[in-house]
């Protein structure tokens, strides 16, 4: 079925390039294929509450370089939507809203959580296409995601600037970079920014190993060190505790046991929340060098998308309009080299693309002498 009226939304955390994708898709869909386009406000929230705006060619003018998303976003779950403190499955409501609006297809821009939402709607019979958005670059099935290149540029510039302060004051400076489970952003920015040590979730570290790298630098006459550390990086002890807590959740056999296991997991994760500051204190005590922490935080998400992200976003958006016109749904429009490729949503939802420990970025870091904490 060729869609004539299409809905589009942005969900999850914001990222550079969202507006560029909306523009790329919208211009191709409207001007090339003659489709009608509406944008749902605030992601899944707007889909459930039926809040939307009509989009035409003029609506898409001037948004290419804007950060964030002019449609707004949210992290709501379509099958666990909170209503007056109670979780409800709103898939039937969403499907009814789409049918009343005469929408033949829905384009969703988002990451791992959005992939699960898209799969829920697909299973209910909605014609869905997902576009890969995340600064973490952890969406399974795509080479890269829009937002990643810009965030990596921002993190790299921060590491560049921190070198000056670290060198001037003979300090250790830890730059905490986003990435709960995947270390792509810290690894890429760490290599590009010349970090002396890079710590990522996929490679648990020991304080002893990190200390040894710093002391080796001191012995060679370097009186400072810059460490790029992912927010999800953990030492071997914390990693073991988290894995054990996750195992309890997976093996719990009753609803009560599941709730107790999830509470335990949350407590374990909460106890590790200040891990970067803890590591800083340990390194200062072990090396005698004054140690500071710089948390980049949400600045990595914001601002104008880079040229690379604008190009990727426009390519993916336009290719998605081609899929809609061809009646190809239930897919992720993935980046594959300089081309795009449809990947079935069944293969994407619930999976994450983590950094393989034998990845060539890892090998490169080791070869140039960057410490990885192991």
Protein backbone atom coordinates (compact mmCIF):
# COMPACT_ATOMS: atom_id res chain seq x y z
CA UNK A 1 0.00 0.00 0.00
CA UNK A 2 1.32 3.43 -0.93
CA UNK A 3 0.81 5.86 1.95
CA UNK A 4 -0.81 9.18 1.11
CA UNK A 5 -1.05 10.65 4.61
CA UNK A 6 1.90 10.14 6.93
CA UNK A 7 2.58 10.94 10.57
CA UNK A 8 6.02 11.68 11.98
CA UNK A 9 7.30 12.05 15.55
CA UNK A 10 10.50 12.34 17.56
CA UNK A 11 10.88 10.27 20.74
CA UNK A 12 13.41 9.66 23.49
CA UNK A 13 16.25 12.05 24.24
CA UNK A 14 16.90 14.91 21.87
CA UNK A 15 19.88 14.78 19.53
CA UNK A 16 21.42 16.96 16.83
CA UNK A 17 19.94 16.19 13.42
CA UNK A 18 16.31 15.50 14.34
CA UNK A 19 15.04 18.57 12.52
CA UNK A 20 17.26 17.76 9.55
CA UNK A 21 15.65 14.31 9.28
CA UNK A 22 12.15 15.75 9.48
CA UNK A 23 13.11 18.16 6.70
CA UNK A 24 14.72 15.48 4.54
CA UNK A 25 11.75 13.16 4.90
CA UNK A 26 9.15 15.89 4.60
CA UNK A 27 10.55 17.57 1.52
CA UNK A 28 10.84 14.25 -0.32
CA UNK A 29 7.44 13.01 0.83
CA UNK A 30 5.59 16.25 0.05
CA UNK A 31 7.31 17.64 -3.02
CA UNK A 32 8.45 14.41 -4.70
CA UNK A 33 5.67 11.99 -3.80
CA UNK A 34 2.76 14.34 -3.12
CA UNK A 35 2.04 12.98 0.36
CA UNK A 36 0.34 14.79 3.23
CA UNK A 37 2.37 15.06 6.44
CA UNK A 38 1.44 15.70 10.05
CA UNK A 39 3.79 15.95 13.01
CA UNK A 40 2.83 14.58 16.41
CA UNK A 41 3.80 16.76 19.36
CA UNK A 42 6.08 15.44 22.12
CA UNK A 43 6.63 11.93 20.80
CA UNK A 44 4.48 9.11 22.13
CA UNK A 45 2.61 11.60 24.33
CA UNK A 46 1.21 13.40 21.30
CA UNK A 47 0.40 10.10 19.64
CA UNK A 48 -1.67 9.02 22.65
CA UNK A 49 -3.27 12.40 23.28
CA UNK A 50 -3.84 13.07 19.55
CA UNK A 51 -1.86 16.32 19.56
CA UNK A 52 -0.43 17.17 16.16
CA UNK A 53 0.25 19.88 13.60
CA UNK A 54 -0.08 19.85 9.83
CA UNK A 55 3.25 20.15 8.07
CA UNK A 56 3.83 21.58 4.61
CA UNK A 57 6.90 22.69 2.68
CA UNK A 58 6.98 26.07 4.41
CA UNK A 59 6.91 24.37 7.84
CA UNK A 60 10.18 22.67 6.96
CA UNK A 61 11.98 25.83 5.90
CA UNK A 62 14.84 27.01 8.11
CA UNK A 63 15.03 23.96 10.39
CA UNK A 64 18.04 22.18 8.87
CA UNK A 65 20.57 23.80 11.22
CA UNK A 66 18.43 23.90 14.36
CA UNK A 67 19.32 21.60 17.25
CA UNK A 68 16.75 19.62 19.21
CA UNK A 69 13.35 18.94 17.68
CA UNK A 70 10.70 21.51 16.90
CA UNK A 71 8.05 18.82 17.38
CA UNK A 72 9.11 18.17 20.98
CA UNK A 73 9.85 14.77 22.50
CA UNK A 74 9.18 12.50 25.47
CA UNK A 75 10.24 9.12 26.85
CA UNK A 76 6.75 7.67 27.27
CA UNK A 77 6.10 4.00 26.42
CA UNK A 78 3.11 3.22 24.27
CA UNK A 79 2.35 -0.05 26.08
CA UNK A 80 3.17 1.28 29.57
CA UNK A 81 1.75 4.78 29.42
CA UNK A 82 1.26 6.40 32.80
CA UNK A 83 -2.29 7.66 33.43
CA UNK A 84 -2.98 9.00 36.93
CA UNK A 85 -0.11 6.95 38.30
CA UNK A 86 -1.26 3.76 36.61
CA UNK A 87 0.49 2.02 33.69
CA UNK A 88 -1.80 1.40 30.74
CA UNK A 89 -1.44 -0.14 27.28
CA UNK A 90 -2.36 2.66 24.90
CA UNK A 91 -1.66 0.81 21.65
CA UNK A 92 -5.39 0.47 20.84
CA UNK A 93 -5.88 4.18 21.51
CA UNK A 94 -2.98 5.12 19.24
CA UNK A 95 -4.25 2.86 16.47
CA UNK A 96 -7.71 4.42 16.75
CA UNK A 97 -6.24 7.94 16.62
CA UNK A 98 -4.25 7.11 13.49
CA UNK A 99 -7.28 5.60 11.79
CA UNK A 100 -9.44 8.64 12.57
CA UNK A 101 -6.79 10.92 11.10
CA UNK A 102 -6.55 8.77 7.99
CA UNK A 103 -2.85 8.15 8.53
CA UNK A 104 -1.48 5.30 6.43
CA UNK A 105 2.04 5.24 7.85
CA UNK A 106 3.99 6.43 10.88
CA UNK A 107 7.64 7.48 10.85
CA UNK A 108 9.33 7.38 14.27
CA UNK A 109 12.70 9.00 15.02
CA UNK A 110 14.38 7.51 18.06
CA UNK A 111 16.74 5.06 19.70
CA UNK A 112 16.43 1.77 21.54
CA UNK A 113 13.30 2.66 23.52
CA UNK A 114 11.59 3.99 20.41
CA UNK A 115 12.46 0.76 18.58
CA UNK A 116 10.48 -1.16 21.21
CA UNK A 117 7.55 1.27 20.87
CA UNK A 118 7.67 0.93 17.09
CA UNK A 119 7.65 -2.87 17.38
CA UNK A 120 4.58 -2.71 19.66
CA UNK A 121 2.73 -0.62 17.08
CA UNK A 122 3.91 -2.78 14.19
CA UNK A 123 2.59 -5.89 15.94
CA UNK A 124 -0.77 -4.12 16.25
CA UNK A 125 -0.91 -3.56 12.49
CA UNK A 126 0.42 -0.01 12.20
CA UNK A 127 2.67 0.71 9.20
CA UNK A 128 5.82 1.89 10.98
CA UNK A 129 9.32 2.91 9.93
CA UNK A 130 12.04 3.73 12.47
CA UNK A 131 14.92 6.16 11.93
CA UNK A 132 18.08 5.69 14.07
CA UNK A 133 18.62 8.58 16.48
CA UNK A 134 21.05 8.56 19.40
CA UNK A 135 24.29 10.25 20.38
CA UNK A 136 25.38 6.91 21.89
CA UNK A 137 25.55 5.16 18.48
CA UNK A 138 24.20 1.99 20.11
CA UNK A 139 21.25 1.17 17.82
CA UNK A 140 21.59 -2.36 16.49
CA UNK A 141 21.53 -2.82 12.71
CA UNK A 142 22.87 0.54 11.54
CA UNK A 143 26.45 1.63 10.94
CA UNK A 144 25.82 4.91 12.69
CA UNK A 145 23.02 7.14 13.97
CA UNK A 146 22.40 10.83 13.47
CA UNK A 147 23.45 12.85 16.51
CA UNK A 148 26.56 10.76 17.16
CA UNK A 149 28.98 12.70 14.95
CA UNK A 150 28.00 16.06 16.45
CA UNK A 151 28.19 14.78 20.03
CA UNK A 152 31.61 13.30 19.33
CA UNK A 153 32.81 16.64 17.97
CA UNK A 154 31.59 18.39 21.13
CA UNK A 155 33.22 15.85 23.44
CA UNK A 156 36.46 15.98 21.44
CA UNK A 157 36.59 19.76 21.73
CA UNK A 158 36.04 19.49 25.48
CA UNK A 159 38.94 17.05 25.82
CA UNK A 160 41.10 19.39 23.72
CA UNK A 161 40.36 22.25 26.08
CA UNK A 162 40.85 20.17 29.23
CA UNK A 163 44.37 19.32 28.08
CA UNK A 164 45.37 22.96 28.57
CA UNK A 165 44.19 23.09 32.17
CA UNK A 166 45.57 19.66 33.03
CA UNK A 167 48.98 20.58 31.63
CA UNK A 168 49.10 24.02 33.24
CA UNK A 169 48.19 22.81 36.73
CA UNK A 170 49.85 19.36 36.58
CA UNK A 171 46.52 17.68 37.22
CA UNK A 172 44.58 14.57 36.38
CA UNK A 173 41.31 15.58 34.76
CA UNK A 174 38.49 13.12 34.16
CA UNK A 175 36.06 14.12 31.41
CA UNK A 176 32.79 12.24 31.98
CA UNK A 177 31.11 11.63 28.64
CA UNK A 178 27.61 10.28 27.96
CA UNK A 179 27.12 6.56 27.34
CA UNK A 180 25.41 4.31 29.91
CA UNK A 181 25.98 0.95 28.24
CA UNK A 182 27.92 1.73 25.06
CA UNK A 183 31.32 3.39 24.91
CA UNK A 184 31.36 4.58 21.30
CA UNK A 185 31.20 8.27 22.20
CA UNK A 186 33.94 8.17 24.84
CA UNK A 187 36.13 5.92 22.72
CA UNK A 188 35.82 8.02 19.58
CA UNK A 189 36.23 11.36 21.33
CA UNK A 190 39.01 9.97 23.51
CA UNK A 191 41.04 8.87 20.50
CA UNK A 192 40.31 12.04 18.52
CA UNK A 193 41.08 14.26 21.52
CA UNK A 194 44.24 12.46 22.51
CA UNK A 195 43.03 11.29 25.93
CA UNK A 196 45.73 9.42 27.82
CA UNK A 197 43.25 6.90 29.24
CA UNK A 198 39.81 5.90 27.97
CA UNK A 199 37.34 4.01 30.17
CA UNK A 200 34.22 2.48 28.61
CA UNK A 201 31.44 0.16 29.87
CA UNK A 202 32.54 -2.73 27.69
CA UNK A 203 35.97 -2.97 29.35
CA UNK A 204 35.78 -2.99 33.17
CA UNK A 205 38.79 -1.21 34.66
CA UNK A 206 40.86 -1.52 37.81
CA UNK A 207 42.11 1.47 39.73
CA UNK A 208 45.50 -0.23 39.86
CA UNK A 209 45.74 -0.36 36.07
CA UNK A 210 44.69 3.26 35.64
CA UNK A 211 47.16 4.32 38.33
CA UNK A 212 49.94 2.35 36.66
CA UNK A 213 49.35 4.16 33.37
CA UNK A 214 49.47 7.55 35.08
CA UNK A 215 52.63 6.68 37.02
CA UNK A 216 54.25 5.47 33.82
CA UNK A 217 53.49 8.85 32.25
CA UNK A 218 54.97 10.62 35.29
CA UNK A 219 58.13 8.52 34.98
CA UNK A 220 58.44 9.71 31.37
CA UNK A 221 58.15 13.34 32.45
CA UNK A 222 54.43 13.94 31.89
CA UNK A 223 53.01 15.67 34.96
CA UNK A 224 49.37 15.51 33.89
CA UNK A 225 46.83 13.05 32.47
CA UNK A 226 43.46 13.43 30.76
CA UNK A 227 40.98 10.58 31.12
CA UNK A 228 37.88 10.17 28.93
CA UNK A 229 35.41 8.16 31.00
CA UNK A 230 31.98 7.02 29.88
CA UNK A 231 29.23 7.59 32.44
CA UNK A 232 28.55 3.85 32.33
CA UNK A 233 32.16 2.75 32.83
CA UNK A 234 32.70 0.73 36.00
CA UNK A 235 35.56 -1.01 37.76
CA UNK A 236 35.65 -4.79 37.87
CA UNK A 237 33.98 -4.98 41.30
CA UNK A 238 31.05 -2.73 40.40
CA UNK A 239 30.66 -4.53 37.08
CA UNK A 240 30.41 -7.88 38.86
CA UNK A 241 27.82 -6.48 41.29
CA UNK A 242 25.70 -5.14 38.44
CA UNK A 243 25.92 -8.37 36.46
CA UNK A 244 24.86 -10.35 39.52
CA UNK A 245 21.90 -8.02 40.11
CA UNK A 246 20.86 -8.28 36.44
CA UNK A 247 21.04 -12.06 36.67
CA UNK A 248 18.65 -11.98 39.64
CA UNK A 249 16.16 -10.00 37.54
CA UNK A 250 16.43 -12.44 34.62
CA UNK A 251 16.05 -15.55 36.77
CA UNK A 252 13.29 -14.32 39.10
CA UNK A 253 10.35 -16.70 38.78
CA UNK A 254 7.49 -14.81 40.45
CA UNK A 255 6.19 -11.23 40.14
CA UNK A 256 7.22 -10.56 43.74
CA UNK A 257 10.74 -11.87 43.06
CA UNK A 258 10.99 -9.74 39.92
CA UNK A 259 10.01 -6.60 41.84
CA UNK A 260 12.50 -7.37 44.60
CA UNK A 261 15.26 -8.07 42.08
CA UNK A 262 14.57 -4.85 40.19
CA UNK A 263 14.64 -2.89 43.44
CA UNK A 264 17.99 -4.48 44.30
CA UNK A 265 19.34 -3.63 40.83
CA UNK A 266 18.20 -0.02 41.19
CA UNK A 267 19.92 0.20 44.58
CA UNK A 268 23.14 -1.22 43.13
CA UNK A 269 23.08 1.25 40.23
CA UNK A 270 22.25 4.12 42.57
CA UNK A 271 25.23 3.28 44.77
CA UNK A 272 27.48 3.58 41.71
CA UNK A 273 26.08 6.90 40.53
CA UNK A 274 29.06 8.97 41.69
CA UNK A 275 31.62 6.54 40.32
CA UNK A 276 33.64 9.16 38.42
CA UNK A 277 34.16 11.25 41.57
CA UNK A 278 35.04 8.11 43.49
CA UNK A 279 37.64 7.22 40.87
CA UNK A 280 39.03 10.75 41.01
CA UNK A 281 39.54 10.50 44.78
CA UNK A 282 41.23 7.13 44.42
CA UNK A 283 43.59 8.37 41.71
CA UNK A 284 44.53 11.48 43.66
CA UNK A 285 45.41 9.36 46.69
CA UNK A 286 47.37 6.85 44.61
CA UNK A 287 49.35 9.33 42.47
CA UNK A 288 49.63 12.48 44.56
CA UNK A 289 48.39 14.55 41.62
CA UNK A 290 45.51 16.96 42.12
CA UNK A 291 42.49 15.46 40.37
CA UNK A 292 39.39 17.12 38.96
CA UNK A 293 36.19 15.94 37.25
CA UNK A 294 34.44 17.68 34.36
CA UNK A 295 30.98 16.32 33.52
CA UNK A 296 29.98 17.29 29.99
CA UNK A 297 26.35 16.25 30.45
CA UNK A 298 23.59 17.56 28.22
CA UNK A 299 25.81 20.00 26.36
CA UNK A 300 26.70 16.97 24.18
CA UNK A 301 23.10 16.76 22.95
CA UNK A 302 22.58 20.39 22.12
CA UNK A 303 23.28 22.90 19.41
CA UNK A 304 23.65 22.91 15.66
CA UNK A 305 24.23 19.51 14.03
CA UNK A 306 27.53 19.02 12.24
CA UNK A 307 27.75 18.83 8.45
CA UNK A 308 28.21 15.06 8.74
CA UNK A 309 25.02 14.68 10.79
CA UNK A 310 23.05 17.00 8.49
CA UNK A 311 24.09 14.94 5.48
CA UNK A 312 23.31 11.62 7.21
CA UNK A 313 19.97 12.90 8.49
CA UNK A 314 18.93 14.20 5.08
CA UNK A 315 19.96 10.97 3.35
CA UNK A 316 18.10 8.79 5.84
CA UNK A 317 15.03 11.02 5.81
CA UNK A 318 14.78 11.04 2.04
CA UNK A 319 15.37 7.28 1.80
CA UNK A 320 12.60 6.70 4.35
CA UNK A 321 10.18 8.59 2.11
CA UNK A 322 11.16 6.18 -0.67
CA UNK A 323 10.29 3.22 1.58
CA UNK A 324 6.94 4.76 2.52
CA UNK A 325 6.13 5.36 -1.16
CA UNK A 326 7.04 1.76 -1.94
CA UNK A 327 4.85 0.45 0.88
CA UNK A 328 7.82 -1.00 2.80
CA UNK A 329 7.09 -0.95 6.53
CA UNK A 330 8.14 -2.62 9.78
CA UNK A 331 11.75 -1.61 9.20
CA UNK A 332 14.62 0.49 10.46
CA UNK A 333 16.04 2.71 7.73
CA UNK A 334 19.69 2.00 8.53
CA UNK A 335 22.86 3.72 7.41
CA UNK A 336 25.06 1.28 5.50
CA UNK A 337 28.29 2.83 4.25
CA UNK A 338 27.27 5.75 2.05
CA UNK A 339 23.95 4.09 1.27
CA UNK A 340 20.92 3.02 3.30
CA UNK A 341 19.40 -0.38 3.98
CA UNK A 342 16.05 -1.54 5.40
CA UNK A 343 16.46 -3.76 8.46
CA UNK A 344 13.43 -5.61 9.92
CA UNK A 345 12.26 -4.16 13.23
CA UNK A 346 12.15 -7.66 14.71
CA UNK A 347 15.95 -7.73 14.44
CA UNK A 348 16.40 -4.30 16.03
CA UNK A 349 14.00 -3.97 18.97
CA UNK A 350 15.48 -5.03 22.29
CA UNK A 351 19.08 -5.17 21.04
CA UNK A 352 22.02 -2.81 21.53
CA UNK A 353 25.17 -2.26 19.51
CA UNK A 354 28.04 -2.27 21.99
CA UNK A 355 31.74 -1.77 21.31
CA UNK A 356 33.36 -5.15 20.51
CA UNK A 357 36.52 -5.55 22.54
CA UNK A 358 38.39 -6.42 19.33
CA UNK A 359 37.03 -3.41 17.41
CA UNK A 360 39.61 -1.56 15.33
CA UNK A 361 39.11 1.60 17.41
CA UNK A 362 40.13 -0.42 20.48
CA UNK A 363 43.13 -1.84 18.64
CA UNK A 364 44.13 1.65 17.50
CA UNK A 365 43.92 3.03 21.03
CA UNK A 366 46.13 0.25 22.37
CA UNK A 367 48.70 0.64 19.58
CA UNK A 368 49.16 4.35 20.23
CA UNK A 369 49.63 3.72 23.94
CA UNK A 370 46.26 4.83 25.29
CA UNK A 371 45.37 3.14 28.57
CA UNK A 372 42.03 1.32 28.69
CA UNK A 373 42.09 0.46 32.38
CA UNK A 374 42.30 -3.30 31.97
